[in-house]
Amino acid sequence: MSNKLKLGIPKGSLQDATIALFERAGWRIYASGRSYFPTIDDPEISCMLVRAQEMARYVEHGALDAGLTGNDWVLENNSDVERVTSLTYSKASRTRVKWVLAVPEDSHFQKKIPVKVEFSWGATEVKPPMLADAIVEVTETGSSLRANRLRIIETLMESETQLIANKLAWADPWKRHKIETLSLMLNGAMDAEAQVGLMLNARKSDLDKVLGVLPALNSPTISHLQDPDWVALNTILENHLVRDVIPKLKAAGGTGIVEYPLSKVVL
């Protein structure tokens, strides 16, 4: 096999979020105009824009070596592909999307309802109650369903974006290494987005108190300073913890506290 990886980028709702994720991971993808073949600043990769609904079929049949698509579309197409990694991102959030059964707010239906299933074209959420008693729809936040006065009575499945690979490409050592590199860096970029780094100084006499309030992925790095009574600490923590941790660090004796963004976190 040639040393060129054919990579499918999902066209449509996932396109911008995917290109942004690749940029954080270190690859710049340029999609312009009506071209279905965006450029990428890696001579070992060629990209093609493909609808997420069709991605798994093209990867399975070898037209693409790898691609990104929702787990729901892999199942829908019953595709025999290698599932390399899950990447929890979507159009509007960093959460899984849900396929849900929804009915009008005033519907008497609760669960386990008898149904006649018809495929829906277009905006499904506007069809109840005139054109349908219930709908199955994919949602990220549920806001569109609520805006149309619908309530969810069952979550049928959850789905997230996956990096998938063709089985023959996965068996090729060069292509597998390239795909695994993509997986590593994409996951690193996603993990970094939810975390920050913290640097601070503390007296050795306060070190136990500081460590007692400092969560970390691993043990924090502790370095000696020129003043033998002081140490420097460097660690990583989740974004949502910062507002609580920094005041506690200050109260425990920490000083010179600096928060900084991360580009990638690879464990």
C-alpha atoms as a PDB file:
ATOM      1  CA  MET A   1       0.000   0.000   0.000  1.00  0.00           C
ATOM      2  CA  SER A   2       1.199   3.528  -0.726  1.00  0.00           C
ATOM      3  CA  ASN A   3       2.276   5.829   2.087  1.00  0.00           C
ATOM      4  CA  LYS A   4      -0.727   8.103   1.763  1.00  0.00           C
ATOM      5  CA  LEU A   5      -3.663   7.905   4.138  1.00  0.00           C
ATOM      6  CA  LYS A   6      -7.097   8.567   2.608  1.00  0.00           C
ATOM      7  CA  LEU A   7      -9.045  10.308   5.351  1.00  0.00           C
ATOM      8  CA  GLY A   8     -12.757  11.122   5.375  1.00  0.00           C
ATOM      9  CA  ILE A   9     -13.831  14.379   7.029  1.00  0.00           C
ATOM     10  CA  PRO A  10     -17.576  14.544   7.854  1.00  0.00           C
ATOM     11  CA  LYS A  11     -19.367  17.087   5.691  1.00  0.00           C
ATOM     12  CA  GLY A  12     -22.277  19.001   7.174  1.00  0.00           C
ATOM     13  CA  SER A  13     -23.008  19.629  10.846  1.00  0.00           C
ATOM     14  CA  LEU A  14     -19.769  18.036  12.097  1.00  0.00           C
ATOM     15  CA  GLN A  15     -17.473  19.652   9.532  1.00  0.00           C
ATOM     16  CA  ASP A  16     -16.481  22.849  11.340  1.00  0.00           C
ATOM     17  CA  ALA A  17     -16.095  21.129  14.723  1.00  0.00           C
ATOM     18  CA  THR A  18     -13.922  18.417  13.151  1.00  0.00           C
ATOM     19  CA  ILE A  19     -11.653  20.867  11.341  1.00  0.00           C
ATOM     20  CA  ALA A  20     -11.282  22.889  14.561  1.00  0.00           C
ATOM     21  CA  LEU A  21     -10.357  19.734  16.498  1.00  0.00           C
ATOM     22  CA  PHE A  22      -7.733  18.783  13.905  1.00  0.00           C
ATOM     23  CA  GLU A  23      -6.214  22.266  14.168  1.00  0.00           C
ATOM     24  CA  ARG A  24      -5.891  21.920  17.947  1.00  0.00           C
ATOM     25  CA  ALA A  25      -4.305  18.510  17.364  1.00  0.00           C
ATOM     26  CA  GLY A  26      -1.710  20.004  14.988  1.00  0.00           C
ATOM     27  CA  TRP A  27      -3.175  19.604  11.482  1.00  0.00           C
ATOM     28  CA  ARG A  28      -4.558  22.489   9.443  1.00  0.00           C
ATOM     29  CA  ILE A  29      -7.346  21.528   7.047  1.00  0.00           C
ATOM     30  CA  TYR A  30      -8.485  24.057   4.444  1.00  0.00           C
ATOM     31  CA  ALA A  31     -11.972  23.505   3.031  1.00  0.00           C
ATOM     32  CA  SER A  32     -13.131  26.123   0.558  1.00  0.00           C
ATOM     33  CA  GLY A  33     -15.861  26.612  -2.018  1.00  0.00           C
ATOM     34  CA  ARG A  34     -17.581  23.598  -3.491  1.00  0.00           C
ATOM     35  CA  SER A  35     -14.541  21.309  -3.481  1.00  0.00           C
ATOM     36  CA  TYR A  36     -14.956  17.971  -1.769  1.00  0.00           C
ATOM     37  CA  PHE A  37     -11.177  17.591  -1.449  1.00  0.00           C
ATOM     38  CA  PRO A  38      -9.856  19.967   1.234  1.00  0.00           C
ATOM     39  CA  THR A  39      -6.123  20.449   1.586  1.00  0.00           C
ATOM     40  CA  ILE A  40      -4.194  19.491   4.700  1.00  0.00           C
ATOM     41  CA  ASP A  41      -0.700  20.485   5.785  1.00  0.00           C
ATOM     42  CA  ASP A  42       0.483  16.869   5.916  1.00  0.00           C
ATOM     43  CA  PRO A  43       1.812  15.291   2.700  1.00  0.00           C
ATOM     44  CA  GLU A  44       1.021  11.832   4.075  1.00  0.00           C
ATOM     45  CA  ILE A  45      -2.735  12.493   4.246  1.00  0.00           C
ATOM     46  CA  SER A  46      -5.322  13.210   1.552  1.00  0.00           C
ATOM     47  CA  CYS A  47      -8.748  14.381   2.701  1.00  0.00           C
ATOM     48  CA  MET A  48     -12.230  14.035   1.283  1.00  0.00           C
ATOM     49  CA  LEU A  49     -15.464  15.561   2.578  1.00  0.00           C
ATOM     50  CA  VAL A  50     -18.123  12.856   2.948  1.00  0.00           C
ATOM     51  CA  ARG A  51     -21.551  12.936   4.574  1.00  0.00           C
ATOM     52  CA  ALA A  52     -21.405  11.315   8.007  1.00  0.00           C
ATOM     53  CA  GLN A  53     -24.322   9.075   7.002  1.00  0.00           C
ATOM     54  CA  GLU A  54     -22.196   7.504   4.220  1.00  0.00           C
ATOM     55  CA  MET A  55     -18.753   7.530   5.845  1.00  0.00           C
ATOM     56  CA  ALA A  56     -18.809   4.017   7.309  1.00  0.00           C
ATOM     57  CA  ARG A  57     -19.726   2.443   3.946  1.00  0.00           C
ATOM     58  CA  TYR A  58     -16.848   4.132   2.123  1.00  0.00           C
ATOM     59  CA  VAL A  59     -14.402   3.169   4.872  1.00  0.00           C
ATOM     60  CA  GLU A  60     -15.629  -0.433   4.913  1.00  0.00           C
ATOM     61  CA  HIS A  61     -15.250  -0.811   1.137  1.00  0.00           C
ATOM     62  CA  GLY A  62     -11.780   0.785   1.052  1.00  0.00           C
ATOM     63  CA  ALA A  63     -12.548   4.005  -0.801  1.00  0.00           C
ATOM     64  CA  LEU A  64     -11.257   5.646   2.396  1.00  0.00           C
ATOM     65  CA  ASP A  65      -8.663   4.282   4.802  1.00  0.00           C
ATOM     66  CA  ALA A  66     -10.176   6.054   7.808  1.00  0.00           C
ATOM     67  CA  GLY A  67     -12.841   8.590   8.653  1.00  0.00           C
ATOM     68  CA  LEU A  68     -14.853  10.247  11.378  1.00  0.00           C
ATOM     69  CA  THR A  69     -18.548   9.588  11.801  1.00  0.00           C
ATOM     70  CA  GLY A  70     -21.137   8.928  14.479  1.00  0.00           C
ATOM     71  CA  ASN A  71     -21.439   5.525  16.068  1.00  0.00           C
ATOM     72  CA  ASP A  72     -25.129   5.628  15.141  1.00  0.00           C
ATOM     73  CA  TRP A  73     -24.255   5.728  11.431  1.00  0.00           C
ATOM     74  CA  VAL A  74     -21.828   2.810  11.793  1.00  0.00           C
ATOM     75  CA  LEU A  75     -24.673   0.797  13.301  1.00  0.00           C
ATOM     76  CA  GLU A  76     -27.212   2.080  10.757  1.00  0.00           C
ATOM     77  CA  ASN A  77     -25.033   0.873   7.871  1.00  0.00           C
ATOM     78  CA  ASN A  78     -24.069  -2.336   9.696  1.00  0.00           C
ATOM     79  CA  SER A  79     -20.501  -1.590   8.625  1.00  0.00           C
ATOM     80  CA  ASP A  80     -17.604  -3.937   9.333  1.00  0.00           C
ATOM     81  CA  VAL A  81     -14.909  -1.420  10.268  1.00  0.00           C
ATOM     82  CA  GLU A  82     -12.238  -1.031  12.905  1.00  0.00           C
ATOM     83  CA  ARG A  83     -13.383   1.300  15.700  1.00  0.00           C
ATOM     84  CA  VAL A  84     -10.175   3.105  16.589  1.00  0.00           C
ATOM     85  CA  THR A  85     -11.344   5.580  19.239  1.00  0.00           C
ATOM     86  CA  SER A  86     -14.355   7.534  20.433  1.00  0.00           C
ATOM     87  CA  LEU A  87     -14.219  11.328  20.307  1.00  0.00           C
ATOM     88  CA  THR A  88     -17.028  12.931  22.273  1.00  0.00           C
ATOM     89  CA  TYR A  89     -17.800  16.081  20.329  1.00  0.00           C
ATOM     90  CA  SER A  90     -20.693  17.222  18.165  1.00  0.00           C
ATOM     91  CA  LYS A  91     -21.974  20.335  16.411  1.00  0.00           C
ATOM     92  CA  ALA A  92     -22.849  22.348  19.503  1.00  0.00           C
ATOM     93  CA  SER A  93     -21.345  20.605  22.505  1.00  0.00           C
ATOM     94  CA  ARG A  94     -18.834  18.162  23.958  1.00  0.00           C
ATOM     95  CA  THR A  95     -21.505  15.654  24.923  1.00  0.00           C
ATOM     96  CA  ARG A  96     -22.961  12.585  23.288  1.00  0.00           C
ATOM     97  CA  VAL A  97     -25.980  13.047  21.044  1.00  0.00           C
ATOM     98  CA  LYS A  98     -29.146  11.102  21.812  1.00  0.00           C
ATOM     99  CA  TRP A  99     -31.702   9.392  19.635  1.00  0.00           C
ATOM    100  CA  VAL A 100     -34.959   9.977  21.499  1.00  0.00           C
ATOM    101  CA  LEU A 101     -38.651   9.188  21.228  1.00  0.00           C
ATOM    102  CA  ALA A 102     -40.622  12.408  21.745  1.00  0.00           C
ATOM    103  CA  VAL A 103     -44.312  13.284  21.877  1.00  0.00           C
ATOM    104  CA  PRO A 104     -46.297  16.527  22.282  1.00  0.00           C
ATOM    105  CA  GLU A 105     -46.266  17.907  25.831  1.00  0.00           C
ATOM    106  CA  ASP A 106     -49.966  17.146  26.306  1.00  0.00           C
ATOM    107  CA  SER A 107     -49.810  13.632  24.836  1.00  0.00           C
ATOM    108  CA  HIS A 108     -51.125  10.805  27.021  1.00  0.00           C
ATOM    109  CA  PHE A 109     -48.379   8.487  25.754  1.00  0.00           C
ATOM    110  CA  GLN A 110     -45.656   7.554  28.270  1.00  0.00           C
ATOM    111  CA  LYS A 111     -43.716   4.455  27.139  1.00  0.00           C
ATOM    112  CA  LYS A 112     -44.052   1.233  25.173  1.00  0.00           C
ATOM    113  CA  ILE A 113     -46.456   2.675  22.639  1.00  0.00           C
ATOM    114  CA  PRO A 114     -47.727   0.774  19.563  1.00  0.00           C
ATOM    115  CA  VAL A 115     -46.284   2.365  16.436  1.00  0.00           C
ATOM    116  CA  LYS A 116     -46.397   2.436  12.686  1.00  0.00           C
ATOM    117  CA  VAL A 117     -42.977   3.730  11.585  1.00  0.00           C
ATOM    118  CA  GLU A 118     -42.525   6.038   8.597  1.00  0.00           C
ATOM    119  CA  PHE A 119     -39.333   7.739   7.439  1.00  0.00           C
ATOM    120  CA  SER A 120     -39.331  11.498   7.885  1.00  0.00           C
ATOM    121  CA  TRP A 121     -37.857  13.999   5.438  1.00  0.00           C
ATOM    122  CA  GLY A 122     -37.029  17.486   6.645  1.00  0.00           C
ATOM    123  CA  ALA A 123     -37.711  19.053  10.032  1.00  0.00           C
ATOM    124  CA  THR A 124     -39.134  16.158  12.015  1.00  0.00           C
ATOM    125  CA  GLU A 125     -39.786  18.100  15.223  1.00  0.00           C
ATOM    126  CA  VAL A 126     -42.545  20.230  13.601  1.00  0.00           C
ATOM    127  CA  LYS A 127     -44.694  17.251  12.548  1.00  0.00           C
ATOM    128  CA  PRO A 128     -46.469  16.362  15.819  1.00  0.00           C
ATOM    129  CA  PRO A 129     -49.329  16.440  16.512  1.00  0.00           C
ATOM    130  CA  MET A 130     -50.837  16.997  13.030  1.00  0.00           C
ATOM    131  CA  LEU A 131     -48.677  14.631  10.977  1.00  0.00           C
ATOM    132  CA  ALA A 132     -47.440  12.226  13.667  1.00  0.00           C
ATOM    133  CA  ASP A 133     -48.262  11.205  17.242  1.00  0.00           C
ATOM    134  CA  ALA A 134     -44.576  10.753  18.089  1.00  0.00           C
ATOM    135  CA  ILE A 135     -41.165  11.160  16.487  1.00  0.00           C
ATOM    136  CA  VAL A 136     -37.694   9.698  16.812  1.00  0.00           C
ATOM    137  CA  GLU A 137     -35.137  12.475  16.581  1.00  0.00           C
ATOM    138  CA  VAL A 138     -31.470  13.062  17.304  1.00  0.00           C
ATOM    139  CA  THR A 139     -30.748  15.813  19.799  1.00  0.00           C
ATOM    140  CA  GLU A 140     -27.767  17.342  21.570  1.00  0.00           C
ATOM    141  CA  THR A 141     -29.403  19.657  24.096  1.00  0.00           C
ATOM    142  CA  GLY A 142     -33.136  19.050  23.616  1.00  0.00           C
ATOM    143  CA  SER A 143     -33.715  22.774  22.997  1.00  0.00           C
ATOM    144  CA  SER A 144     -35.342  22.311  19.578  1.00  0.00           C
ATOM    145  CA  LEU A 145     -37.731  19.703  20.990  1.00  0.00           C
ATOM    146  CA  ARG A 146     -38.706  21.969  23.869  1.00  0.00           C
ATOM    147  CA  ALA A 147     -39.175  24.915  21.506  1.00  0.00           C
ATOM    148  CA  ASN A 148     -41.691  22.811  19.594  1.00  0.00           C
ATOM    149  CA  ARG A 149     -43.467  21.770  22.812  1.00  0.00           C
ATOM    150  CA  LEU A 150     -42.319  18.165  22.708  1.00  0.00           C
ATOM    151  CA  ARG A 151     -41.264  15.986  25.618  1.00  0.00           C
ATOM    152  CA  ILE A 152     -38.904  13.023  25.582  1.00  0.00           C
ATOM    153  CA  ILE A 153     -40.417   9.752  26.750  1.00  0.00           C
ATOM    154  CA  GLU A 154     -37.507   7.447  25.930  1.00  0.00           C
ATOM    155  CA  THR A 155     -33.827   7.642  25.014  1.00  0.00           C
ATOM    156  CA  LEU A 156     -33.276   4.937  22.410  1.00  0.00           C
ATOM    157  CA  MET A 157     -29.505   5.244  22.148  1.00  0.00           C
ATOM    158  CA  GLU A 158     -26.582   7.571  22.691  1.00  0.00           C
ATOM    159  CA  SER A 159     -23.984   8.204  20.034  1.00  0.00           C
ATOM    160  CA  GLU A 160     -20.650   9.947  19.707  1.00  0.00           C
ATOM    161  CA  THR A 161     -18.144  10.606  16.967  1.00  0.00           C
ATOM    162  CA  GLN A 162     -15.737   7.772  16.254  1.00  0.00           C
ATOM    163  CA  LEU A 163     -12.514   7.475  14.299  1.00  0.00           C
ATOM    164  CA  ILE A 164     -12.996   4.333  12.216  1.00  0.00           C
ATOM    165  CA  ALA A 165     -10.615   2.505   9.878  1.00  0.00           C
ATOM    166  CA  ASN A 166     -10.831   0.098   6.980  1.00  0.00           C
ATOM    167  CA  LYS A 167      -9.798  -3.411   8.069  1.00  0.00           C
ATOM    168  CA  LEU A 168      -7.112  -3.772   5.366  1.00  0.00           C
ATOM    169  CA  ALA A 169      -5.708  -0.310   6.099  1.00  0.00           C
ATOM    170  CA  TRP A 170      -5.610  -1.190   9.803  1.00  0.00           C
ATOM    171  CA  ALA A 171      -3.609  -4.327   8.956  1.00  0.00           C
ATOM    172  CA  ASP A 172      -1.034  -2.272   7.021  1.00  0.00           C
ATOM    173  CA  PRO A 173       1.738  -1.247   9.495  1.00  0.00           C
ATOM    174  CA  TRP A 174       2.362   2.221   8.028  1.00  0.00           C
ATOM    175  CA  LYS A 175      -1.307   3.168   7.770  1.00  0.00           C
ATOM    176  CA  ARG A 176      -2.082   1.775  11.202  1.00  0.00           C
ATOM    177  CA  HIS A 177       0.739   3.842  12.723  1.00  0.00           C
ATOM    178  CA  LYS A 178      -0.577   6.956  10.978  1.00  0.00           C
ATOM    179  CA  ILE A 179      -4.135   6.326  12.175  1.00  0.00           C
ATOM    180  CA  GLU A 180      -2.928   5.657  15.724  1.00  0.00           C
ATOM    181  CA  THR A 181      -0.983   8.926  15.623  1.00  0.00           C
ATOM    182  CA  LEU A 182      -4.156  10.754  14.616  1.00  0.00           C
ATOM    183  CA  SER A 183      -6.023   9.064  17.453  1.00  0.00           C
ATOM    184  CA  LEU A 184      -3.374   9.988  20.012  1.00  0.00           C
ATOM    185  CA  MET A 185      -3.205  13.645  19.023  1.00  0.00           C
ATOM    186  CA  LEU A 186      -6.962  14.140  18.590  1.00  0.00           C
ATOM    187  CA  ASN A 187      -7.606  12.666  22.028  1.00  0.00           C
ATOM    188  CA  GLY A 188      -4.814  14.784  23.480  1.00  0.00           C
ATOM    189  CA  ALA A 189      -6.359  17.932  22.038  1.00  0.00           C
ATOM    190  CA  MET A 190      -9.787  17.018  23.414  1.00  0.00           C
ATOM    191  CA  ASP A 191      -8.442  16.205  26.871  1.00  0.00           C
ATOM    192  CA  ALA A 192      -6.553  19.507  26.973  1.00  0.00           C
ATOM    193  CA  GLU A 193      -9.665  21.519  26.179  1.00  0.00           C
ATOM    194  CA  ALA A 194     -11.254  20.607  29.504  1.00  0.00           C
ATOM    195  CA  GLN A 195      -8.127  21.158  31.596  1.00  0.00           C
ATOM    196  CA  VAL A 196      -5.650  23.854  32.576  1.00  0.00           C
ATOM    197  CA  GLY A 197      -2.174  23.958  34.049  1.00  0.00           C
ATOM    198  CA  LEU A 198      -1.334  25.528  37.387  1.00  0.00           C
ATOM    199  CA  MET A 199       2.034  26.756  38.636  1.00  0.00           C
ATOM    200  CA  LEU A 200       2.617  28.043  42.158  1.00  0.00           C
ATOM    201  CA  ASN A 201       5.217  28.437  44.872  1.00  0.00           C
ATOM    202  CA  ALA A 202       4.916  27.325  48.479  1.00  0.00           C
ATOM    203  CA  ARG A 203       7.022  27.167  51.612  1.00  0.00           C
ATOM    204  CA  LYS A 204       8.209  23.662  52.435  1.00  0.00           C
ATOM    205  CA  SER A 205       6.469  24.025  55.772  1.00  0.00           C
ATOM    206  CA  ASP A 206       3.140  24.511  53.930  1.00  0.00           C
ATOM    207  CA  LEU A 207       3.694  21.790  51.331  1.00  0.00           C
ATOM    208  CA  ASP A 208       1.506  19.134  52.962  1.00  0.00           C
ATOM    209  CA  LYS A 209      -1.405  21.580  53.273  1.00  0.00           C
ATOM    210  CA  VAL A 210      -1.038  22.648  49.639  1.00  0.00           C
ATOM    211  CA  LEU A 211      -0.873  19.054  48.392  1.00  0.00           C
ATOM    212  CA  GLY A 212      -3.967  18.273  50.443  1.00  0.00           C
ATOM    213  CA  VAL A 213      -6.142  20.589  48.321  1.00  0.00           C
ATOM    214  CA  LEU A 214      -4.453  20.045  44.952  1.00  0.00           C
ATOM    215  CA  PRO A 215      -6.099  17.474  42.630  1.00  0.00           C
ATOM    216  CA  ALA A 216      -3.971  16.280  39.732  1.00  0.00           C
ATOM    217  CA  LEU A 217      -3.875  13.810  36.846  1.00  0.00           C
ATOM    218  CA  ASN A 218      -0.670  12.483  38.341  1.00  0.00           C
ATOM    219  CA  SER A 219       1.448  13.567  41.276  1.00  0.00           C
ATOM    220  CA  PRO A 220       2.341  17.256  40.828  1.00  0.00           C
ATOM    221  CA  THR A 221       5.869  18.126  39.775  1.00  0.00           C
ATOM    222  CA  ILE A 222       7.768  19.662  42.694  1.00  0.00           C
ATOM    223  CA  SER A 223      10.971  21.602  42.045  1.00  0.00           C
ATOM    224  CA  HIS A 224      13.447  23.157  44.445  1.00  0.00           C
ATOM    225  CA  LEU A 225      13.967  26.908  44.270  1.00  0.00           C
ATOM    226  CA  GLN A 226      17.068  28.953  45.007  1.00  0.00           C
ATOM    227  CA  ASP A 227      15.659  29.685  48.443  1.00  0.00           C
ATOM    228  CA  PRO A 228      15.946  26.340  50.277  1.00  0.00           C
ATOM    229  CA  ASP A 229      12.747  27.024  52.218  1.00  0.00           C
ATOM    230  CA  TRP A 230      10.578  27.215  49.083  1.00  0.00           C
ATOM    231  CA  VAL A 231       9.435  24.824  46.326  1.00  0.00           C
ATOM    232  CA  ALA A 232       7.627  25.278  43.000  1.00  0.00           C
ATOM    233  CA  LEU A 233       4.687  23.062  42.002  1.00  0.00           C
ATOM    234  CA  ASN A 234       3.304  22.367  38.544  1.00  0.00           C
ATOM    235  CA  THR A 235       0.130  20.388  37.936  1.00  0.00           C
ATOM    236  CA  ILE A 236      -2.939  19.926  35.736  1.00  0.00           C
ATOM    237  CA  LEU A 237      -6.568  20.049  36.783  1.00  0.00           C
ATOM    238  CA  GLU A 238      -9.996  20.222  35.230  1.00  0.00           C
ATOM    239  CA  ASN A 239     -11.347  23.632  34.230  1.00  0.00           C
ATOM    240  CA  HIS A 240     -14.414  23.513  36.437  1.00  0.00           C
ATOM    241  CA  LEU A 241     -12.301  22.952  39.571  1.00  0.00           C
ATOM    242  CA  VAL A 242     -10.155  26.073  39.193  1.00  0.00           C
ATOM    243  CA  ARG A 243     -12.524  28.522  40.868  1.00  0.00           C
ATOM    244  CA  ASP A 244     -12.625  26.385  44.014  1.00  0.00           C
ATOM    245  CA  VAL A 245      -9.017  25.190  44.081  1.00  0.00           C
ATOM    246  CA  ILE A 246      -7.169  28.519  43.673  1.00  0.00           C
ATOM    247  CA  PRO A 247      -8.701  30.149  46.792  1.00  0.00           C
ATOM    248  CA  LYS A 248      -7.934  26.985  48.781  1.00  0.00           C
ATOM    249  CA  LEU A 249      -4.338  26.994  47.521  1.00  0.00           C
ATOM    250  CA  LYS A 250      -3.981  30.629  48.560  1.00  0.00           C
ATOM    251  CA  ALA A 251      -5.385  29.865  52.012  1.00  0.00           C
ATOM    252  CA  ALA A 252      -3.030  26.882  52.365  1.00  0.00           C
ATOM    253  CA  GLY A 253       0.021  29.058  51.726  1.00  0.00           C
ATOM    254  CA  GLY A 254       0.393  28.925  47.970  1.00  0.00           C
ATOM    255  CA  THR A 255       1.669  32.067  46.255  1.00  0.00           C
ATOM    256  CA  GLY A 256       2.550  33.226  42.752  1.00  0.00           C
ATOM    257  CA  ILE A 257      -0.293  31.102  41.408  1.00  0.00           C
ATOM    258  CA  VAL A 258      -0.427  31.077  37.592  1.00  0.00           C
ATOM    259  CA  GLU A 259      -3.138  29.394  35.493  1.00  0.00           C
ATOM    260  CA  TYR A 260      -2.269  28.643  31.847  1.00  0.00           C
ATOM    261  CA  PRO A 261      -4.072  26.955  28.921  1.00  0.00           C
ATOM    262  CA  LEU A 262      -3.026  23.593  27.513  1.00  0.00           C
ATOM    263  CA  SER A 263      -2.741  22.555  23.888  1.00  0.00           C
ATOM    264  CA  LYS A 264      -2.648  18.782  24.393  1.00  0.00           C
ATOM    265  CA  VAL A 265      -2.690  16.328  27.276  1.00  0.00           C
ATOM    266  CA  VAL A 266      -1.262  12.884  26.468  1.00  0.00           C
ATOM    267  CA  LEU A 267      -1.175  10.316  29.251  1.00  0.00           C
END
